[in-house]
Amino acid sequence: MSAELLSGKLPSAEFSQCPFWFWNDALDEDEIRRQLADFQDHGVEAFVIHPRIGLPDSITWLSPQLFHYMRVAVEEAKRRGM
């Protein structure tokens, strides 16, 4: 095991966790940005957006609304260097 992993420090982006980010409730641009900041504050530099049952009826699979929120997440992640 590398010394970096044993040091107790957050791992570099290369060794970041990559969790499924479940979207199963109403989506909000500010909340998406807040959660991305929280991910990064805890050493998470990558993620997989995973829309689930529970999204509002107005946000259907492959809808313009879903792509809008995905774009918000991707642009914020890019801005943060994630």
PDB file of N, CA and C in Angstrom:
ATOM      1  N   MET A   1       0.853  -1.168   0.000  1.00  0.00           N
ATOM      2  CA  MET A   1       0.000   0.000   0.000  1.00  0.00           C
ATOM      3  C   MET A   1       0.900   1.231   0.000  1.00  0.00           C
ATOM      4  N   SER A   2       0.512   2.259  -0.730  1.00  0.00           N
ATOM      5  CA  SER A   2       1.370   3.431  -0.857  1.00  0.00           C
ATOM      6  C   SER A   2       1.397   4.233   0.440  1.00  0.00           C
ATOM      7  N   ALA A   3       2.484   4.956   0.628  1.00  0.00           N
ATOM      8  CA  ALA A   3       2.629   5.802   1.813  1.00  0.00           C
ATOM      9  C   ALA A   3       1.534   6.862   1.850  1.00  0.00           C
ATOM     10  N   GLU A   4       1.131   7.334   0.676  1.00  0.00           N
ATOM     11  CA  GLU A   4       0.064   8.344   0.611  1.00  0.00           C
ATOM     12  C   GLU A   4      -1.223   7.807   1.228  1.00  0.00           C
ATOM     13  N   LEU A   5      -1.570   6.582   0.913  1.00  0.00           N
ATOM     14  CA  LEU A   5      -2.800   6.004   1.445  1.00  0.00           C
ATOM     15  C   LEU A   5      -2.695   5.744   2.944  1.00  0.00           C
ATOM     16  N   LEU A   6      -1.505   5.442   3.424  1.00  0.00           N
ATOM     17  CA  LEU A   6      -1.312   5.156   4.844  1.00  0.00           C
ATOM     18  C   LEU A   6      -1.167   6.418   5.690  1.00  0.00           C
ATOM     19  N   SER A   7      -0.974   7.567   5.053  1.00  0.00           N
ATOM     20  CA  SER A   7      -0.699   8.804   5.788  1.00  0.00           C
ATOM     21  C   SER A   7      -1.916   9.383   6.488  1.00  0.00           C
ATOM     22  N   GLY A   8      -3.116   8.969   6.108  1.00  0.00           N
ATOM     23  CA  GLY A   8      -4.327   9.537   6.684  1.00  0.00           C
ATOM     24  C   GLY A   8      -4.809  10.780   5.960  1.00  0.00           C
ATOM     25  N   LYS A   9      -4.047  11.242   4.982  1.00  0.00           N
ATOM     26  CA  LYS A   9      -4.451  12.400   4.188  1.00  0.00           C
ATOM     27  C   LYS A   9      -5.451  11.953   3.131  1.00  0.00           C
ATOM     28  N   LEU A  10      -6.209  12.926   2.619  1.00  0.00           N
ATOM     29  CA  LEU A  10      -7.099  12.610   1.507  1.00  0.00           C
ATOM     30  C   LEU A  10      -6.252  12.201   0.315  1.00  0.00           C
ATOM     31  N   PRO A  11      -6.657  11.178  -0.415  1.00  0.00           N
ATOM     32  CA  PRO A  11      -5.864  10.740  -1.569  1.00  0.00           C
ATOM     33  C   PRO A  11      -5.903  11.768  -2.697  1.00  0.00           C
ATOM     34  N   SER A  12      -4.920  11.696  -3.569  1.00  0.00           N
ATOM     35  CA  SER A  12      -4.909  12.565  -4.741  1.00  0.00           C
ATOM     36  C   SER A  12      -6.087  12.203  -5.644  1.00  0.00           C
ATOM     37  N   ALA A  13      -6.379  13.077  -6.588  1.00  0.00           N
ATOM     38  CA  ALA A  13      -7.509  12.856  -7.498  1.00  0.00           C
ATOM     39  C   ALA A  13      -7.396  11.515  -8.213  1.00  0.00           C
ATOM     40  N   GLU A  14      -6.172  11.083  -8.472  1.00  0.00           N
ATOM     41  CA  GLU A  14      -5.956   9.804  -9.155  1.00  0.00           C
ATOM     42  C   GLU A  14      -6.560   8.638  -8.373  1.00  0.00           C
ATOM     43  N   PHE A  15      -6.597   8.748  -7.050  1.00  0.00           N
ATOM     44  CA  PHE A  15      -7.105   7.678  -6.199  1.00  0.00           C
ATOM     45  C   PHE A  15      -8.432   8.035  -5.539  1.00  0.00           C
ATOM     46  N   SER A  16      -9.100   9.050  -6.063  1.00  0.00           N
ATOM     47  CA  SER A  16     -10.375   9.486  -5.494  1.00  0.00           C
ATOM     48  C   SER A  16     -11.428   8.394  -5.596  1.00  0.00           C
ATOM     49  N   GLN A  17     -12.342   8.407  -4.636  1.00  0.00           N
ATOM     50  CA  GLN A  17     -13.524   7.562  -4.766  1.00  0.00           C
ATOM     51  C   GLN A  17     -14.343   8.075  -5.947  1.00  0.00           C
ATOM     52  N   CYS A  18     -15.182   7.223  -6.489  1.00  0.00           N
ATOM     53  CA  CYS A  18     -16.051   7.615  -7.604  1.00  0.00           C
ATOM     54  C   CYS A  18     -17.450   7.057  -7.326  1.00  0.00           C
ATOM     55  N   PRO A  19     -18.195   7.715  -6.430  1.00  0.00           N
ATOM     56  CA  PRO A  19     -19.495   7.174  -6.030  1.00  0.00           C
ATOM     57  C   PRO A  19     -20.581   7.400  -7.073  1.00  0.00           C
ATOM     58  N   PHE A  20     -21.604   6.544  -7.007  1.00  0.00           N
ATOM     59  CA  PHE A  20     -22.840   6.832  -7.719  1.00  0.00           C
ATOM     60  C   PHE A  20     -23.501   7.992  -6.984  1.00  0.00           C
ATOM     61  N   TRP A  21     -23.907   9.006  -7.716  1.00  0.00           N
ATOM     62  CA  TRP A  21     -24.576  10.171  -7.141  1.00  0.00           C
ATOM     63  C   TRP A  21     -26.044  10.031  -7.510  1.00  0.00           C
ATOM     64  N   PHE A  22     -26.830   9.492  -6.592  1.00  0.00           N
ATOM     65  CA  PHE A  22     -28.239   9.218  -6.870  1.00  0.00           C
ATOM     66  C   PHE A  22     -29.036  10.511  -6.883  1.00  0.00           C
ATOM     67  N   TRP A  23     -29.738  10.727  -7.970  1.00  0.00           N
ATOM     68  CA  TRP A  23     -30.667  11.852  -8.091  1.00  0.00           C
ATOM     69  C   TRP A  23     -32.060  11.246  -8.022  1.00  0.00           C
ATOM     70  N   ASN A  24     -32.715  11.388  -6.872  1.00  0.00           N
ATOM     71  CA  ASN A  24     -34.029  10.768  -6.703  1.00  0.00           C
ATOM     72  C   ASN A  24     -35.011  11.690  -5.981  1.00  0.00           C
ATOM     73  N   ASP A  25     -34.864  12.985  -6.236  1.00  0.00           N
ATOM     74  CA  ASP A  25     -35.753  13.984  -5.647  1.00  0.00           C
ATOM     75  C   ASP A  25     -35.719  15.214  -6.553  1.00  0.00           C
ATOM     76  N   ALA A  26     -36.446  16.233  -6.170  1.00  0.00           N
ATOM     77  CA  ALA A  26     -36.427  17.477  -6.947  1.00  0.00           C
ATOM     78  C   ALA A  26     -34.984  17.967  -7.069  1.00  0.00           C
ATOM     79  N   LEU A  27     -34.636  18.501  -8.227  1.00  0.00           N
ATOM     80  CA  LEU A  27     -33.281  18.989  -8.468  1.00  0.00           C
ATOM     81  C   LEU A  27     -33.257  20.511  -8.392  1.00  0.00           C
ATOM     82  N   ASP A  28     -32.136  21.032  -7.923  1.00  0.00           N
ATOM     83  CA  ASP A  28     -31.969  22.465  -7.737  1.00  0.00           C
ATOM     84  C   ASP A  28     -30.515  22.813  -8.049  1.00  0.00           C
ATOM     85  N   GLU A  29     -30.295  23.829  -8.867  1.00  0.00           N
ATOM     86  CA  GLU A  29     -28.936  24.172  -9.284  1.00  0.00           C
ATOM     87  C   GLU A  29     -28.027  24.469  -8.094  1.00  0.00           C
ATOM     88  N   ASP A  30     -28.514  25.255  -7.147  1.00  0.00           N
ATOM     89  CA  ASP A  30     -27.682  25.596  -5.987  1.00  0.00           C
ATOM     90  C   ASP A  30     -27.352  24.364  -5.151  1.00  0.00           C
ATOM     91  N   GLU A  31     -28.310  23.453  -5.015  1.00  0.00           N
ATOM     92  CA  GLU A  31     -28.066  22.233  -4.241  1.00  0.00           C
ATOM     93  C   GLU A  31     -27.063  21.325  -4.952  1.00  0.00           C
ATOM     94  N   ILE A  32     -27.133  21.266  -6.267  1.00  0.00           N
ATOM     95  CA  ILE A  32     -26.150  20.486  -7.029  1.00  0.00           C
ATOM     96  C   ILE A  32     -24.756  21.044  -6.777  1.00  0.00           C
ATOM     97  N   ARG A  33     -24.621  22.357  -6.855  1.00  0.00           N
ATOM     98  CA  ARG A  33     -23.316  22.983  -6.618  1.00  0.00           C
ATOM     99  C   ARG A  33     -22.846  22.759  -5.175  1.00  0.00           C
ATOM    100  N   ARG A  34     -23.758  22.835  -4.219  1.00  0.00           N
ATOM    101  CA  ARG A  34     -23.406  22.617  -2.815  1.00  0.00           C
ATOM    102  C   ARG A  34     -22.903  21.190  -2.599  1.00  0.00           C
ATOM    103  N   GLN A  35     -23.602  20.224  -3.200  1.00  0.00           N
ATOM    104  CA  GLN A  35     -23.190  18.833  -3.034  1.00  0.00           C
ATOM    105  C   GLN A  35     -21.838  18.571  -3.690  1.00  0.00           C
ATOM    106  N   LEU A  36     -21.583  19.192  -4.827  1.00  0.00           N
ATOM    107  CA  LEU A  36     -20.274  19.029  -5.461  1.00  0.00           C
ATOM    108  C   LEU A  36     -19.173  19.614  -4.584  1.00  0.00           C
ATOM    109  N   ALA A  37     -19.431  20.759  -3.964  1.00  0.00           N
ATOM    110  CA  ALA A  37     -18.451  21.344  -3.044  1.00  0.00           C
ATOM    111  C   ALA A  37     -18.202  20.394  -1.877  1.00  0.00           C
ATOM    112  N   ASP A  38     -19.259  19.790  -1.365  1.00  0.00           N
ATOM    113  CA  ASP A  38     -19.133  18.842  -0.261  1.00  0.00           C
ATOM    114  C   ASP A  38     -18.342  17.607  -0.689  1.00  0.00           C
ATOM    115  N   PHE A  39     -18.629  17.089  -1.885  1.00  0.00           N
ATOM    116  CA  PHE A  39     -17.839  15.965  -2.403  1.00  0.00           C
ATOM    117  C   PHE A  39     -16.355  16.327  -2.368  1.00  0.00           C
ATOM    118  N   GLN A  40     -16.039  17.467  -2.964  1.00  0.00           N
ATOM    119  CA  GLN A  40     -14.638  17.845  -3.090  1.00  0.00           C
ATOM    120  C   GLN A  40     -14.001  18.090  -1.717  1.00  0.00           C
ATOM    121  N   ASP A  41     -14.748  18.686  -0.803  1.00  0.00           N
ATOM    122  CA  ASP A  41     -14.231  18.908   0.553  1.00  0.00           C
ATOM    123  C   ASP A  41     -13.881  17.599   1.255  1.00  0.00           C
ATOM    124  N   HIS A  42     -14.505  16.514   0.821  1.00  0.00           N
ATOM    125  CA  HIS A  42     -14.253  15.201   1.418  1.00  0.00           C
ATOM    126  C   HIS A  42     -13.394  14.302   0.525  1.00  0.00           C
ATOM    127  N   GLY A  43     -12.709  14.906  -0.443  1.00  0.00           N
ATOM    128  CA  GLY A  43     -11.755  14.161  -1.252  1.00  0.00           C
ATOM    129  C   GLY A  43     -12.338  13.403  -2.421  1.00  0.00           C
ATOM    130  N   VAL A  44     -13.608  13.634  -2.722  1.00  0.00           N
ATOM    131  CA  VAL A  44     -14.237  12.964  -3.866  1.00  0.00           C
ATOM    132  C   VAL A  44     -14.074  13.870  -5.079  1.00  0.00           C
ATOM    133  N   GLU A  45     -13.343  13.408  -6.074  1.00  0.00           N
ATOM    134  CA  GLU A  45     -13.050  14.204  -7.265  1.00  0.00           C
ATOM    135  C   GLU A  45     -13.746  13.676  -8.514  1.00  0.00           C
ATOM    136  N   ALA A  46     -14.490  12.593  -8.378  1.00  0.00           N
ATOM    137  CA  ALA A  46     -15.189  11.995  -9.520  1.00  0.00           C
ATOM    138  C   ALA A  46     -16.516  11.442  -9.024  1.00  0.00           C
ATOM    139  N   PHE A  47     -17.454  11.277  -9.930  1.00  0.00           N
ATOM    140  CA  PHE A  47     -18.780  10.784  -9.553  1.00  0.00           C
ATOM    141  C   PHE A  47     -19.485  10.276 -10.795  1.00  0.00           C
ATOM    142  N   VAL A  48     -20.532   9.498 -10.580  1.00  0.00           N
ATOM    143  CA  VAL A  48     -21.394   9.013 -11.660  1.00  0.00           C
ATOM    144  C   VAL A  48     -22.809   9.470 -11.328  1.00  0.00           C
ATOM    145  N   ILE A  49     -23.365  10.345 -12.146  1.00  0.00           N
ATOM    146  CA  ILE A  49     -24.743  10.795 -11.939  1.00  0.00           C
ATOM    147  C   ILE A  49     -25.665   9.627 -12.258  1.00  0.00           C
ATOM    148  N   HIS A  50     -26.556   9.329 -11.317  1.00  0.00           N
ATOM    149  CA  HIS A  50     -27.431   8.169 -11.468  1.00  0.00           C
ATOM    150  C   HIS A  50     -28.878   8.580 -11.175  1.00  0.00           C
ATOM    151  N   PRO A  51     -29.619   9.055 -12.202  1.00  0.00           N
ATOM    152  CA  PRO A  51     -31.031   9.404 -11.981  1.00  0.00           C
ATOM    153  C   PRO A  51     -31.822   8.167 -11.574  1.00  0.00           C
ATOM    154  N   ARG A  52     -32.712   8.346 -10.606  1.00  0.00           N
ATOM    155  CA  ARG A  52     -33.462   7.220 -10.063  1.00  0.00           C
ATOM    156  C   ARG A  52     -34.946   7.568  -9.964  1.00  0.00           C
ATOM    157  N   ILE A  53     -35.726   6.550  -9.638  1.00  0.00           N
ATOM    158  CA  ILE A  53     -37.137   6.763  -9.354  1.00  0.00           C
ATOM    159  C   ILE A  53     -37.228   7.752  -8.202  1.00  0.00           C
ATOM    160  N   GLY A  54     -38.108   8.716  -8.324  1.00  0.00           N
ATOM    161  CA  GLY A  54     -38.266   9.740  -7.301  1.00  0.00           C
ATOM    162  C   GLY A  54     -38.083  11.131  -7.858  1.00  0.00           C
ATOM    163  N   LEU A  55     -37.491  11.211  -9.062  1.00  0.00           N
ATOM    164  CA  LEU A  55     -37.414  12.522  -9.700  1.00  0.00           C
ATOM    165  C   LEU A  55     -38.833  13.015  -9.976  1.00  0.00           C
ATOM    166  N   PRO A  56     -39.047  14.321  -9.955  1.00  0.00           N
ATOM    167  CA  PRO A  56     -40.379  14.838 -10.269  1.00  0.00           C
ATOM    168  C   PRO A  56     -40.820  14.412 -11.670  1.00  0.00           C
ATOM    169  N   ASP A  57     -42.120  14.348 -11.880  1.00  0.00           N
ATOM    170  CA  ASP A  57     -42.660  13.974 -13.194  1.00  0.00           C
ATOM    171  C   ASP A  57     -42.191  14.914 -14.296  1.00  0.00           C
ATOM    172  N   SER A  58     -41.830  16.139 -13.942  1.00  0.00           N
ATOM    173  CA  SER A  58     -41.381  17.107 -14.949  1.00  0.00           C
ATOM    174  C   SER A  58     -39.967  16.826 -15.452  1.00  0.00           C
ATOM    175  N   ILE A  59     -39.246  15.936 -14.764  1.00  0.00           N
ATOM    176  CA  ILE A  59     -37.872  15.603 -15.169  1.00  0.00           C
ATOM    177  C   ILE A  59     -37.863  14.138 -15.575  1.00  0.00           C
ATOM    178  N   THR A  60     -38.154  13.894 -16.828  1.00  0.00           N
ATOM    179  CA  THR A  60     -38.216  12.525 -17.329  1.00  0.00           C
ATOM    180  C   THR A  60     -36.880  12.126 -17.949  1.00  0.00           C
ATOM    181  N   TRP A  61     -36.713  10.839 -18.175  1.00  0.00           N
ATOM    182  CA  TRP A  61     -35.484  10.295 -18.753  1.00  0.00           C
ATOM    183  C   TRP A  61     -35.204  10.942 -20.104  1.00  0.00           C
ATOM    184  N   LEU A  62     -34.002  11.455 -20.276  1.00  0.00           N
ATOM    185  CA  LEU A  62     -33.507  12.090 -21.493  1.00  0.00           C
ATOM    186  C   LEU A  62     -34.257  13.373 -21.856  1.00  0.00           C
ATOM    187  N   SER A  63     -34.917  13.970 -20.886  1.00  0.00           N
ATOM    188  CA  SER A  63     -35.648  15.217 -21.141  1.00  0.00           C
ATOM    189  C   SER A  63     -34.688  16.404 -21.135  1.00  0.00           C
ATOM    190  N   PRO A  64     -35.095  17.505 -21.761  1.00  0.00           N
ATOM    191  CA  PRO A  64     -34.271  18.718 -21.700  1.00  0.00           C
ATOM    192  C   PRO A  64     -33.992  19.158 -20.255  1.00  0.00           C
ATOM    193  N   GLN A  65     -34.953  18.951 -19.364  1.00  0.00           N
ATOM    194  CA  GLN A  65     -34.756  19.343 -17.967  1.00  0.00           C
ATOM    195  C   GLN A  65     -33.648  18.510 -17.316  1.00  0.00           C
ATOM    196  N   LEU A  66     -33.649  17.209 -17.568  1.00  0.00           N
ATOM    197  CA  LEU A  66     -32.608  16.350 -17.001  1.00  0.00           C
ATOM    198  C   LEU A  66     -31.238  16.746 -17.546  1.00  0.00           C
ATOM    199  N   PHE A  67     -31.160  16.983 -18.845  1.00  0.00           N
ATOM    200  CA  PHE A  67     -29.884  17.391 -19.437  1.00  0.00           C
ATOM    201  C   PHE A  67     -29.431  18.744 -18.901  1.00  0.00           C
ATOM    202  N   HIS A  68     -30.367  19.630 -18.605  1.00  0.00           N
ATOM    203  CA  HIS A  68     -30.008  20.925 -18.021  1.00  0.00           C
ATOM    204  C   HIS A  68     -29.276  20.717 -16.693  1.00  0.00           C
ATOM    205  N   TYR A  69     -29.857  19.902 -15.816  1.00  0.00           N
ATOM    206  CA  TYR A  69     -29.236  19.683 -14.507  1.00  0.00           C
ATOM    207  C   TYR A  69     -27.929  18.906 -14.621  1.00  0.00           C
ATOM    208  N   MET A  70     -27.839  17.992 -15.558  1.00  0.00           N
ATOM    209  CA  MET A  70     -26.567  17.297 -15.788  1.00  0.00           C
ATOM    210  C   MET A  70     -25.503  18.292 -16.244  1.00  0.00           C
ATOM    211  N   ARG A  71     -25.898  19.205 -17.119  1.00  0.00           N
ATOM    212  CA  ARG A  71     -24.962  20.227 -17.600  1.00  0.00           C
ATOM    213  C   ARG A  71     -24.488  21.100 -16.435  1.00  0.00           C
ATOM    214  N   VAL A  72     -25.403  21.477 -15.545  1.00  0.00           N
ATOM    215  CA  VAL A  72     -25.024  22.263 -14.363  1.00  0.00           C
ATOM    216  C   VAL A  72     -23.957  21.514 -13.568  1.00  0.00           C
ATOM    217  N   ALA A  73     -24.177  20.225 -13.337  1.00  0.00           N
ATOM    218  CA  ALA A  73     -23.229  19.421 -12.560  1.00  0.00           C
ATOM    219  C   ALA A  73     -21.878  19.315 -13.263  1.00  0.00           C
ATOM    220  N   VAL A  74     -21.895  19.041 -14.548  1.00  0.00           N
ATOM    221  CA  VAL A  74     -20.642  18.871 -15.295  1.00  0.00           C
ATOM    222  C   VAL A  74     -19.869  20.185 -15.361  1.00  0.00           C
ATOM    223  N   GLU A  75     -20.567  21.287 -15.608  1.00  0.00           N
ATOM    224  CA  GLU A  75     -19.880  22.580 -15.682  1.00  0.00           C
ATOM    225  C   GLU A  75     -19.287  22.973 -14.331  1.00  0.00           C
ATOM    226  N   GLU A  76     -20.013  22.705 -13.249  1.00  0.00           N
ATOM    227  CA  GLU A  76     -19.484  23.018 -11.915  1.00  0.00           C
ATOM    228  C   GLU A  76     -18.294  22.119 -11.586  1.00  0.00           C
ATOM    229  N   ALA A  77     -18.383  20.852 -11.930  1.00  0.00           N
ATOM    230  CA  ALA A  77     -17.258  19.946 -11.694  1.00  0.00           C
ATOM    231  C   ALA A  77     -16.034  20.406 -12.486  1.00  0.00           C
ATOM    232  N   LYS A  78     -16.241  20.820 -13.709  1.00  0.00           N
ATOM    233  CA  LYS A  78     -15.130  21.314 -14.526  1.00  0.00           C
ATOM    234  C   LYS A  78     -14.522  22.563 -13.892  1.00  0.00           C
ATOM    235  N   ARG A  79     -15.378  23.474 -13.430  1.00  0.00           N
ATOM    236  CA  ARG A  79     -14.897  24.707 -12.803  1.00  0.00           C
ATOM    237  C   ARG A  79     -14.043  24.388 -11.572  1.00  0.00           C
ATOM    238  N   ARG A  80     -14.404  23.322 -10.872  1.00  0.00           N
ATOM    239  CA  ARG A  80     -13.686  22.919  -9.667  1.00  0.00           C
ATOM    240  C   ARG A  80     -12.466  22.046  -9.973  1.00  0.00           C
ATOM    241  N   GLY A  81     -12.275  21.677 -11.236  1.00  0.00           N
ATOM    242  CA  GLY A  81     -11.143  20.819 -11.583  1.00  0.00           C
ATOM    243  C   GLY A  81     -11.343  19.367 -11.189  1.00  0.00           C
ATOM    244  N   MET A  82     -12.595  18.971 -11.099  1.00  0.00           N
ATOM    245  CA  MET A  82     -12.909  17.587 -10.708  1.00  0.00           C
ATOM    246  C   MET A  82     -12.850  16.684 -11.931  1.00  0.00           C
TER     247      MET A  82
END
